C-alpha atoms as a PDB file:
ATOM      1  CA  MET A   1      -2.192-117.667  80.095  1.00  0.00           C
ATOM      2  CA  ASN A   2      -4.554-115.908  78.160  1.00  0.00           C
ATOM      3  CA  TRP A   3      -7.746-113.236  79.249  1.00  0.00           C
ATOM      4  CA  ILE A   4     -10.326-114.971  79.741  1.00  0.00           C
ATOM      5  CA  GLU A   5      -8.193-117.589  81.889  1.00  0.00           C
ATOM      6  CA  SER A   6      -6.793-114.879  84.033  1.00  0.00           C
ATOM      7  CA  LEU A   7      -9.921-112.661  84.770  1.00  0.00           C
ATOM      8  CA  LEU A   8     -11.193-116.845  86.101  1.00  0.00           C
ATOM      9  CA  LEU A   9      -8.499-116.901  88.297  1.00  0.00           C
ATOM     10  CA  SER A  10      -9.210-113.023  89.425  1.00  0.00           C
ATOM     11  CA  THR A  11     -12.344-114.569  90.646  1.00  0.00           C
ATOM     12  CA  GLY A  12     -10.931-117.027  92.963  1.00  0.00           C
ATOM     13  CA  MET A  13     -11.610-120.458  90.717  1.00  0.00           C
ATOM     14  CA  SER A  14      -8.585-123.039  91.366  1.00  0.00           C
ATOM     15  CA  TRP A  15      -6.195-123.070  88.721  1.00  0.00           C
ATOM     16  CA  GLN A  16      -7.769-126.587  87.108  1.00  0.00           C
ATOM     17  CA  MET A  17     -11.012-124.192  86.503  1.00  0.00           C
ATOM     18  CA  THR A  18      -9.490-121.431  85.183  1.00  0.00           C
ATOM     19  CA  LYS A  19      -8.168-124.049  82.111  1.00  0.00           C
ATOM     20  CA  PHE A  20     -11.754-125.787  81.453  1.00  0.00           C
ATOM     21  CA  LEU A  21     -14.036-123.532  82.622  1.00  0.00           C
ATOM     22  CA  PRO A  22     -14.108-121.271  79.266  1.00  0.00           C
ATOM     23  CA  ILE A  23     -13.955-124.238  76.374  1.00  0.00           C
ATOM     24  CA  ILE A  24     -17.201-125.849  79.091  1.00  0.00           C
ATOM     25  CA  LEU A  25     -19.232-122.547  78.306  1.00  0.00           C
ATOM     26  CA  LEU A  26     -17.543-121.668  74.730  1.00  0.00           C
ATOM     27  CA  PHE A  27     -19.665-125.820  74.130  1.00  0.00           C
ATOM     28  CA  LEU A  28     -22.676-124.907  75.228  1.00  0.00           C
ATOM     29  CA  LEU A  29     -22.725-121.640  73.857  1.00  0.00           C
ATOM     30  CA  SER A  30     -21.893-123.642  70.981  1.00  0.00           C
ATOM     31  CA  VAL A  31     -25.241-125.857  71.923  1.00  0.00           C
ATOM     32  CA  VAL A  32     -27.957-123.162  72.286  1.00  0.00           C
ATOM     33  CA  VAL A  33     -26.453-121.433  68.290  1.00  0.00           C
ATOM     34  CA  PHE A  34     -26.213-124.827  67.091  1.00  0.00           C
ATOM     35  CA  TYR A  35     -29.839-125.106  68.095  1.00  0.00           C
ATOM     36  CA  PHE A  36     -31.241-121.706  66.748  1.00  0.00           C
ATOM     37  CA  LEU A  37     -29.578-122.789  64.159  1.00  0.00           C
ATOM     38  CA  TRP A  38     -31.336-126.462  63.541  1.00  0.00           C
ATOM     39  CA  LYS A  39     -34.320-125.046  64.024  1.00  0.00           C
ATOM     40  CA  LYS A  40     -34.508-122.208  61.175  1.00  0.00           C
ATOM     41  CA  THR A  41     -33.018-125.015  58.447  1.00  0.00           C
ATOM     42  CA  ARG A  42     -35.150-127.491  56.557  1.00  0.00           C
ATOM     43  CA  GLU A  43     -32.475-129.039  55.069  1.00  0.00           C
ATOM     44  CA  ILE A  44     -29.933-131.393  56.410  1.00  0.00           C
ATOM     45  CA  LYS A  45     -27.133-131.014  54.321  1.00  0.00           C
ATOM     46  CA  PHE A  46     -27.111-127.863  55.726  1.00  0.00           C
ATOM     47  CA  LYS A  47     -28.299-128.376  59.357  1.00  0.00           C
ATOM     48  CA  LEU A  48     -24.483-130.291  59.408  1.00  0.00           C
ATOM     49  CA  VAL A  49     -22.577-127.798  58.139  1.00  0.00           C
ATOM     50  CA  PHE A  50     -23.702-125.652  60.483  1.00  0.00           C
ATOM     51  CA  PHE A  51     -23.075-128.446  63.328  1.00  0.00           C
ATOM     52  CA  ILE A  52     -19.668-128.265  62.099  1.00  0.00           C
ATOM     53  CA  ILE A  53     -19.540-124.672  62.333  1.00  0.00           C
ATOM     54  CA  THR A  54     -20.987-123.794  65.140  1.00  0.00           C
ATOM     55  CA  GLY A  55     -20.355-126.731  66.962  1.00  0.00           C
ATOM     56  CA  LEU A  56     -17.366-128.301  66.656  1.00  0.00           C
ATOM     57  CA  LEU A  57     -15.211-124.976  65.157  1.00  0.00           C
ATOM     58  CA  PRO A  58     -15.419-122.287  68.027  1.00  0.00           C
ATOM     59  CA  CYS A  59     -14.514-125.188  70.572  1.00  0.00           C
ATOM     60  CA  SER A  60     -11.780-126.673  68.456  1.00  0.00           C
ATOM     61  CA  ILE A  61     -10.512-123.074  67.546  1.00  0.00           C
ATOM     62  CA  TYR A  62     -10.114-122.433  71.575  1.00  0.00           C
ATOM     63  CA  PHE A  63      -8.802-125.379  72.050  1.00  0.00           C
ATOM     64  CA  ALA A  64      -5.734-125.450  69.448  1.00  0.00           C
ATOM     65  CA  LEU A  65      -5.093-122.312  70.407  1.00  0.00           C
ATOM     66  CA  TYR A  66      -5.117-122.902  74.687  1.00  0.00           C
ATOM     67  CA  PRO A  67      -4.648-126.338  75.012  1.00  0.00           C
ATOM     68  CA  ILE A  68      -5.050-128.639  77.870  1.00  0.00           C
ATOM     69  CA  TYR A  69      -2.034-131.279  79.227  1.00  0.00           C
ATOM     70  CA  GLN A  70      -2.169-133.978  80.227  1.00  0.00           C
ATOM     71  CA  SER A  71      -0.547-131.857  82.997  1.00  0.00           C
ATOM     72  CA  ASP A  72      -3.687-129.936  83.334  1.00  0.00           C
ATOM     73  CA  ILE A  73      -5.225-133.515  84.410  1.00  0.00           C
ATOM     74  CA  LYS A  74      -2.807-135.584  86.177  1.00  0.00           C
ATOM     75  CA  ASN A  75      -0.934-134.056  88.719  1.00  0.00           C
ATOM     76  CA  GLU A  76       2.463-136.133  88.765  1.00  0.00           C
ATOM     77  CA  TYR A  77       5.225-135.274  90.674  1.00  0.00           C
ATOM     78  CA  ARG A  78       8.384-137.564  92.451  1.00  0.00           C
ATOM     79  CA  VAL A  79       9.041-137.253  95.650  1.00  0.00           C
ATOM     80  CA  ALA A  80      12.838-136.729  97.780  1.00  0.00           C
ATOM     81  CA  GLN A  81      13.901-136.646 100.901  1.00  0.00           C
ATOM     82  CA  ASN A  82      14.598-132.948 101.925  1.00  0.00           C
ATOM     83  CA  GLU A  83      17.504-134.446 104.027  1.00  0.00           C
ATOM     84  CA  PHE A  84      20.023-131.688 102.174  1.00  0.00           C
ATOM     85  CA  ASP A  85      17.880-128.459 103.891  1.00  0.00           C
ATOM     86  CA  SER A  86      18.666-126.758 106.988  1.00  0.00           C
ATOM     87  CA  LEU A  87      15.317-125.233 106.545  1.00  0.00           C
ATOM     88  CA  LYS A  88      13.225-128.542 106.436  1.00  0.00           C
ATOM     89  CA  THR A  89      10.079-126.573 108.343  1.00  0.00           C
ATOM     90  CA  LYS A  90       9.280-123.890 106.240  1.00  0.00           C
ATOM     91  CA  SER A  91       7.408-124.363 102.844  1.00  0.00           C
ATOM     92  CA  ARG A  92       8.941-123.079  99.546  1.00  0.00           C
ATOM     93  CA  PHE A  93       8.625-122.919  95.541  1.00  0.00           C
ATOM     94  CA  GLU A  94      12.246-123.411  93.572  1.00  0.00           C
ATOM     95  CA  ILE A  95      12.452-122.788  89.514  1.00  0.00           C
ATOM     96  CA  VAL A  96      15.864-124.638  89.004  1.00  0.00           C
ATOM     97  CA  SER A  97      16.802-123.053  85.490  1.00  0.00           C
ATOM     98  CA  LEU A  98      19.093-123.058  82.896  1.00  0.00           C
ATOM     99  CA  PRO A  99      19.884-118.605  81.456  1.00  0.00           C
ATOM    100  CA  ASN A 100      18.377-118.751  78.423  1.00  0.00           C
ATOM    101  CA  CYS A 101      16.230-122.290  78.112  1.00  0.00           C
ATOM    102  CA  PRO A 102      13.200-120.909  76.300  1.00  0.00           C
ATOM    103  CA  TYR A 103      10.797-122.748  78.417  1.00  0.00           C
ATOM    104  CA  CYS A 104      11.744-120.965  81.766  1.00  0.00           C
ATOM    105  CA  ILE A 105      11.678-117.899  80.330  1.00  0.00           C
ATOM    106  CA  SER A 106       8.076-118.736  78.981  1.00  0.00           C
ATOM    107  CA  SER A 107       7.168-120.377  82.418  1.00  0.00           C
ATOM    108  CA  ILE A 108       7.485-116.348  84.053  1.00  0.00           C
ATOM    109  CA  ASN A 109       4.826-115.540  82.998  1.00  0.00           C
ATOM    110  CA  LEU A 110       3.131-118.353  85.350  1.00  0.00           C
ATOM    111  CA  ILE A 111       4.793-118.316  88.044  1.00  0.00           C
ATOM    112  CA  ASN A 112       4.529-114.453  88.705  1.00  0.00           C
ATOM    113  CA  GLN A 113       0.256-115.050  88.786  1.00  0.00           C
ATOM    114  CA  PHE A 114       0.889-117.925  91.437  1.00  0.00           C
ATOM    115  CA  LYS A 115       3.617-115.711  93.047  1.00  0.00           C
ATOM    116  CA  LYS A 116       0.608-112.587  93.472  1.00  0.00           C
ATOM    117  CA  ARG A 117      -2.048-115.343  94.011  1.00  0.00           C
ATOM    118  CA  ASN A 118       0.260-116.949  97.176  1.00  0.00           C
ATOM    119  CA  PRO A 119       2.262-113.931  98.795  1.00  0.00           C
ATOM    120  CA  ASN A 120       3.168-115.231 101.295  1.00  0.00           C
ATOM    121  CA  LEU A 121       4.398-118.280  99.932  1.00  0.00           C
ATOM    122  CA  SER A 122       8.791-117.993  99.132  1.00  0.00           C
ATOM    123  CA  ILE A 123       9.101-118.434  95.318  1.00  0.00           C
ATOM    124  CA  GLU A 124      12.889-118.381  93.836  1.00  0.00           C
ATOM    125  CA  TYR A 125      14.241-119.314  90.618  1.00  0.00           C
ATOM    126  CA  LYS A 126      17.315-121.327  90.302  1.00  0.00           C
ATOM    127  CA  ILE A 127      19.642-120.230  87.611  1.00  0.00           C
ATOM    128  CA  VAL A 128      22.058-122.768  86.740  1.00  0.00           C
ATOM    129  CA  SER A 129      25.231-121.336  85.759  1.00  0.00           C
ATOM    130  CA  LEU A 130      28.608-121.244  85.758  1.00  0.00           C
ATOM    131  CA  GLY A 131      29.961-117.898  84.505  1.00  0.00           C
ATOM    132  CA  SER A 132      28.689-113.961  85.881  1.00  0.00           C
ATOM    133  CA  LYS A 133      27.509-113.374  81.899  1.00  0.00           C
ATOM    134  CA  GLU A 134      23.364-112.165  81.986  1.00  0.00           C
ATOM    135  CA  GLY A 135      21.271-114.642  79.981  1.00  0.00           C
ATOM    136  CA  LYS A 136      17.600-113.541  79.300  1.00  0.00           C
ATOM    137  CA  LEU A 137      15.770-115.133  81.817  1.00  0.00           C
ATOM    138  CA  GLU A 138      17.694-112.927  84.631  1.00  0.00           C
ATOM    139  CA  SER A 139      16.690-110.308  82.768  1.00  0.00           C
ATOM    140  CA  GLN A 140      13.266-111.595  82.460  1.00  0.00           C
ATOM    141  CA  LEU A 141      13.608-112.017  86.049  1.00  0.00           C
ATOM    142  CA  LYS A 142      14.589-108.353  86.514  1.00  0.00           C
ATOM    143  CA  LYS A 143      11.512-107.159  85.266  1.00  0.00           C
ATOM    144  CA  VAL A 144       9.019-108.971  86.872  1.00  0.00           C
ATOM    145  CA  GLY A 145      10.412-108.601  90.364  1.00  0.00           C
ATOM    146  CA  LEU A 146      11.048-112.115  91.024  1.00  0.00           C
ATOM    147  CA  LYS A 147      13.421-113.610  93.450  1.00  0.00           C
ATOM    148  CA  TYR A 148      16.351-115.417  91.444  1.00  0.00           C
ATOM    149  CA  SER A 149      20.301-116.809  92.114  1.00  0.00           C
ATOM    150  CA  MET A 150      22.935-118.118  90.682  1.00  0.00           C
ATOM    151  CA  ILE A 151      23.850-121.656  91.932  1.00  0.00           C
ATOM    152  CA  ARG A 152      26.848-123.798  89.892  1.00  0.00           C
ATOM    153  CA  SER A 153      25.348-127.223  89.059  1.00  0.00           C
ATOM    154  CA  GLY A 154      26.407-130.742  91.665  1.00  0.00           C
ATOM    155  CA  LYS A 155      25.780-133.760  92.768  1.00  0.00           C
ATOM    156  CA  LYS A 156      22.435-133.052  94.414  1.00  0.00           C
ATOM    157  CA  LEU A 157      21.374-131.018  92.712  1.00  0.00           C
ATOM    158  CA  GLY A 158      21.880-133.575  89.429  1.00  0.00           C
ATOM    159  CA  HIS A 159      19.241-136.057  91.789  1.00  0.00           C
ATOM    160  CA  LEU A 160      17.111-133.513  91.961  1.00  0.00           C
ATOM    161  CA  VAL A 161      16.720-131.942  88.320  1.00  0.00           C
ATOM    162  CA  LYS A 162      17.713-135.301  86.880  1.00  0.00           C
ATOM    163  CA  GLY A 163      18.800-133.020  83.718  1.00  0.00           C
ATOM    164  CA  SER A 164      15.161-131.288  83.220  1.00  0.00           C
ATOM    165  CA  TYR A 165      14.976-127.790  82.502  1.00  0.00           C
ATOM    166  CA  PRO A 166      12.797-126.094  84.549  1.00  0.00           C
ATOM    167  CA  THR A 167      12.459-128.119  87.234  1.00  0.00           C
ATOM    168  CA  TYR A 168      10.480-126.994  90.005  1.00  0.00           C
ATOM    169  CA  LEU A 169      10.520-127.979  93.441  1.00  0.00           C
ATOM    170  CA  PHE A 170       8.229-127.539  96.227  1.00  0.00           C
ATOM    171  CA  TYR A 171       9.613-128.484  99.758  1.00  0.00           C
ATOM    172  CA  HIS A 172       7.161-128.489 102.199  1.00  0.00           C
ATOM    173  CA  LYS A 173       6.671-130.902 105.739  1.00  0.00           C
ATOM    174  CA  GLY A 174      10.353-132.309 104.978  1.00  0.00           C
ATOM    175  CA  ASN A 175       9.617-132.999 101.500  1.00  0.00           C
ATOM    176  CA  ILE A 176      10.273-132.053  98.508  1.00  0.00           C
ATOM    177  CA  GLN A 177       7.714-132.481  95.064  1.00  0.00           C
ATOM    178  CA  ILE A 178       9.319-133.055  92.038  1.00  0.00           C
ATOM    179  CA  TRP A 179       8.373-131.601  88.749  1.00  0.00           C
ATOM    180  CA  ASN A 180       9.353-131.199  85.069  1.00  0.00           C
ATOM    181  CA  ASN A 181       8.064-129.060  82.506  1.00  0.00           C
ATOM    182  CA  ASN A 182       5.927-131.765  81.070  1.00  0.00           C
ATOM    183  CA  SER A 183       4.419-132.778  83.981  1.00  0.00           C
ATOM    184  CA  PHE A 184       4.086-129.330  85.383  1.00  0.00           C
ATOM    185  CA  GLY A 185       0.581-127.870  85.481  1.00  0.00           C
ATOM    186  CA  THR A 186      -2.125-126.499  86.758  1.00  0.00           C
ATOM    187  CA  LYS A 187      -3.258-129.672  89.013  1.00  0.00           C
ATOM    188  CA  ALA A 188       0.663-129.231  90.681  1.00  0.00           C
ATOM    189  CA  LEU A 189      -0.211-125.723  91.278  1.00  0.00           C
ATOM    190  CA  ASP A 190      -3.353-126.583  92.670  1.00  0.00           C
ATOM    191  CA  PHE A 191      -1.916-129.394  94.677  1.00  0.00           C
ATOM    192  CA  ILE A 192       1.006-127.068  96.343  1.00  0.00           C
ATOM    193  CA  GLU A 193      -1.880-124.137  97.282  1.00  0.00           C
ATOM    194  CA  SER A 194      -4.094-126.837  98.876  1.00  0.00           C
ATOM    195  CA  GLU A 195      -0.925-127.725 100.810  1.00  0.00           C
ATOM    196  CA  LEU A 196      -0.636-124.480 101.452  1.00  0.00           C
ATOM    197  CA  ASN A 197      -4.085-124.320 103.346  1.00  0.00           C
END
C-alpha cells in the first residue's frame, strides 16, 4: 500500500476504493493534459505520441508499481463450520502463517492498518512451528505490536489451511470464512468490515 492509498484510507474510504481511485484520478488528469496538448499540436504523428505519453504511460506505470489483482475485484472464500471452536459467538480474525514465509511477513503492514481501522476486532497471527527458534515473522510482529501465538499443525488446522500460507480465517456467526494468500485482497477486507457493522 502506497502513501496515496494510505491517505485515502485515512479519510474512511473503503479498501477497494482506495485501490481503484488513484488510477481513476490519474487517468482523468491524463485526459485533461492530453486535451490541452491535442489543441496545441497540429501534426497527427505528434498527437499520437502525446496520447501515449500523457494518456497511457502514467496509468501504466502506476498500475505496474501498484497492480490490481483479482482479489481486489472478487471476494472468493471458502466457508467451514466453526465446530472446533468454543468461542463461536465472538468474531475474530486469524492469519495462519509460517515462521519465515515471505508472503506472511509482507502481510504485516496491511494487517496492521486493518487492525487500526478495526481496534475492537481480535486479530492474531497463528505461527505454525515445531521448534522454539524465533523466525523473521515473529520479530516483525513484535516490532509493530500485533498479537501472535505459536501453534502446532494438526488435522483440524490442515483442513482449514490446505497447505497455503498465509491463510486468513474470519470467525463470525458460527462459521469460518477462509481465504488463501491469492484470494485475500481489498474486497475481502471490505467484506469483513461490513460483517462487523
